[in-house]
Amino acid sequence: MQVKNETNIKGIDVSKWQGEIHWNQVASDGVKYAFIKATEGTSLVDKKLKENAEGANRAELKWVITILPTLIYLPKNKRNILYKQSKGYRVIYR
């Protein structure tokens, strides 16, 4: 783990397991980005994906969708899942 210093940028990793997230509070606490879980394996879609992506956008945080891999690695299949789950979201770039 990297030692904390003044040049570190604060970020979080979220999924359904964090429950309801108050995104504006997260942003006001100095968080600048989020890793938002989209899927686990090839079929399980995180139930909070849409809510978390929309919340991060409203709070103007940078974010990226993540996939939790399984033991069987299927690169093309995972790319298709990521594309399908992220289609239609507006991602903020700054």
Protein backbone atom coordinates (compact mmCIF):
# COMPACT_ATOMS: atom_id res chain seq x y z
CA MET A 1 0.00 0.00 0.00
CA GLN A 2 1.26 3.46 -0.88
CA VAL A 3 2.09 5.87 1.94
CA LYS A 4 -0.39 8.75 2.20
CA ASN A 5 0.97 12.14 1.16
CA GLU A 6 -0.31 15.48 -0.15
CA THR A 7 -0.14 14.36 -3.80
CA ASN A 8 -2.49 11.38 -3.35
CA ILE A 9 -5.91 11.62 -4.97
CA LYS A 10 -8.75 10.19 -2.89
CA GLY A 11 -10.95 7.51 -4.48
CA ILE A 12 -13.43 4.80 -3.52
CA ASP A 13 -14.46 1.35 -4.75
CA VAL A 14 -18.22 0.66 -4.52
CA SER A 15 -20.78 -2.05 -5.17
CA LYS A 16 -24.15 -3.13 -3.79
CA TRP A 17 -22.40 -4.05 -0.54
CA GLN A 18 -21.92 -0.38 0.42
CA GLY A 19 -25.69 0.19 0.37
CA GLU A 20 -27.00 3.68 -0.31
CA ILE A 21 -24.21 6.14 -1.02
CA HIS A 22 -24.64 9.86 -0.47
CA TRP A 23 -22.57 10.92 -3.49
CA ASN A 24 -22.61 14.67 -2.83
CA GLN A 25 -21.25 14.00 0.66
CA VAL A 26 -18.60 11.70 -0.83
CA ALA A 27 -17.51 14.51 -3.19
CA SER A 28 -17.51 17.10 -0.39
CA ASP A 29 -15.24 14.78 1.63
CA GLY A 30 -12.60 15.19 -1.07
CA VAL A 31 -13.17 11.99 -3.07
CA LYS A 32 -12.33 12.61 -6.75
CA TYR A 33 -13.04 9.25 -8.40
CA ALA A 34 -14.84 5.93 -7.97
CA PHE A 35 -14.47 2.37 -9.16
CA ILE A 36 -18.05 1.17 -9.65
CA LYS A 37 -18.66 -2.58 -9.84
CA ALA A 38 -20.69 -3.61 -12.90
CA THR A 39 -20.54 -7.39 -13.00
CA GLU A 40 -19.14 -10.46 -11.33
CA GLY A 41 -18.22 -13.23 -13.70
CA THR A 42 -20.28 -13.52 -16.86
CA SER A 43 -23.83 -13.09 -15.58
CA LEU A 44 -24.17 -11.36 -12.20
CA VAL A 45 -24.91 -7.63 -12.64
CA ASP A 46 -24.40 -5.48 -9.54
CA LYS A 47 -27.83 -4.25 -8.38
CA LYS A 48 -26.48 -0.77 -7.55
CA LEU A 49 -24.64 -0.17 -10.87
CA LYS A 50 -27.18 2.25 -12.34
CA GLU A 51 -27.76 4.10 -9.05
CA ASN A 52 -24.02 4.41 -8.35
CA ALA A 53 -23.16 5.57 -11.89
CA GLU A 54 -25.90 8.19 -11.84
CA GLY A 55 -24.93 9.34 -8.34
CA ALA A 56 -21.27 9.70 -9.28
CA ASN A 57 -22.29 11.72 -12.33
CA ARG A 58 -24.52 14.03 -10.28
CA ALA A 59 -21.63 14.60 -7.85
CA GLU A 60 -19.32 15.23 -10.85
CA LEU A 61 -16.88 12.51 -9.85
CA LYS A 62 -14.71 10.69 -12.35
CA TRP A 63 -15.54 7.00 -12.38
CA VAL A 64 -14.92 3.73 -14.16
CA ILE A 65 -16.91 0.51 -14.32
CA THR A 66 -15.15 -2.57 -12.97
CA ILE A 67 -15.71 -6.28 -13.51
CA LEU A 68 -14.87 -8.78 -10.79
CA PRO A 69 -13.20 -11.64 -12.68
CA THR A 70 -13.91 -15.31 -12.18
CA LEU A 71 -11.51 -18.24 -12.27
CA ILE A 72 -12.38 -18.90 -15.91
CA TYR A 73 -11.08 -15.97 -17.92
CA LEU A 74 -13.01 -15.22 -21.11
CA PRO A 75 -11.62 -11.91 -22.44
CA LYS A 76 -14.02 -11.42 -25.36
CA ASN A 77 -17.01 -12.36 -23.22
CA LYS A 78 -15.98 -9.88 -20.51
CA ARG A 79 -15.52 -7.11 -23.06
CA ASN A 80 -19.04 -7.76 -24.37
CA ILE A 81 -20.45 -7.68 -20.83
CA LEU A 82 -18.69 -4.41 -20.03
CA TYR A 83 -19.92 -2.83 -23.25
CA LYS A 84 -23.50 -4.00 -22.67
CA GLN A 85 -23.61 -2.83 -19.04
CA SER A 86 -21.99 0.57 -19.68
CA LYS A 87 -23.91 1.44 -22.85
CA GLY A 88 -25.99 4.57 -22.40
CA TYR A 89 -24.15 6.03 -19.41
CA ARG A 90 -22.66 9.49 -19.71
CA VAL A 91 -19.10 9.38 -18.39
CA ILE A 92 -17.60 12.70 -17.27
CA TYR A 93 -14.04 13.38 -18.41
CA ARG A 94 -12.13 16.38 -17.05
